Amino acid sequence: MKTITLAAVAALLPLSAMAHDGMHAEDAYARSTNPQVGAVFMRLENHREVDCTLTAARSDAAERVELHTHAMEDGVMRMVELEDGITVPAGETHLLDRGGDHVMLMGLVQPLSPGDVVTLELDFGDCGTETVEAALDNDRTATHGGHAHDHDHGHDHGHGHDHDHAHDEDGHEAH
């Protein structure tokens, strides 16, 4: 009987080790201060020996889901879509955080309320997919660091569809 039990445990070890052999999303949360849009933030951990790129994200919570970052243009911080995705180098961690890289939810099916959970499927191309659940947390503050690619964080992500305008913290066009 002990031999069967030990064999069963030994057979399960590779499965538990595989749980952290690829890409892993950790500590995901969503914010939405505008009934039409939201953003999702998390820590991406690459447990592989090759670089992995988040190429797309999907969710039933929104009409469109895009990968975005913020960039300074003419002295104004603007949100821009990341056409080439978000690369996480082999063995490293990359933080999706307010004021930096993030996942945008545009055309929300319904406004997000406290306690709502957004389910996302993250597509890492050859590195596989990961399903993530992110609870709405509008009170959470930005992390500001803790990854290999530090950004100057500090702008919120409630914004509309037009990528050529700057927006304030409540998603309204800044004037």
Foldseek 3Di string as FASTA:
>chain_A
DVVVVVVVVVVCVVVVVVVQQFKDWADKAKEALDFFKIWIWTKIFGNYQAKWFFQFKDWPQAPDKFKWFWDQDPNAIFIDTDNRGHIAGHGWMDTCWARGIIMMGGGGPGGADQQDKTWMWTQRDVRGIDIDIHGYDNPDDTPQDPTDDGDPHDAADQAHDDRPFGAHNSHHGDD
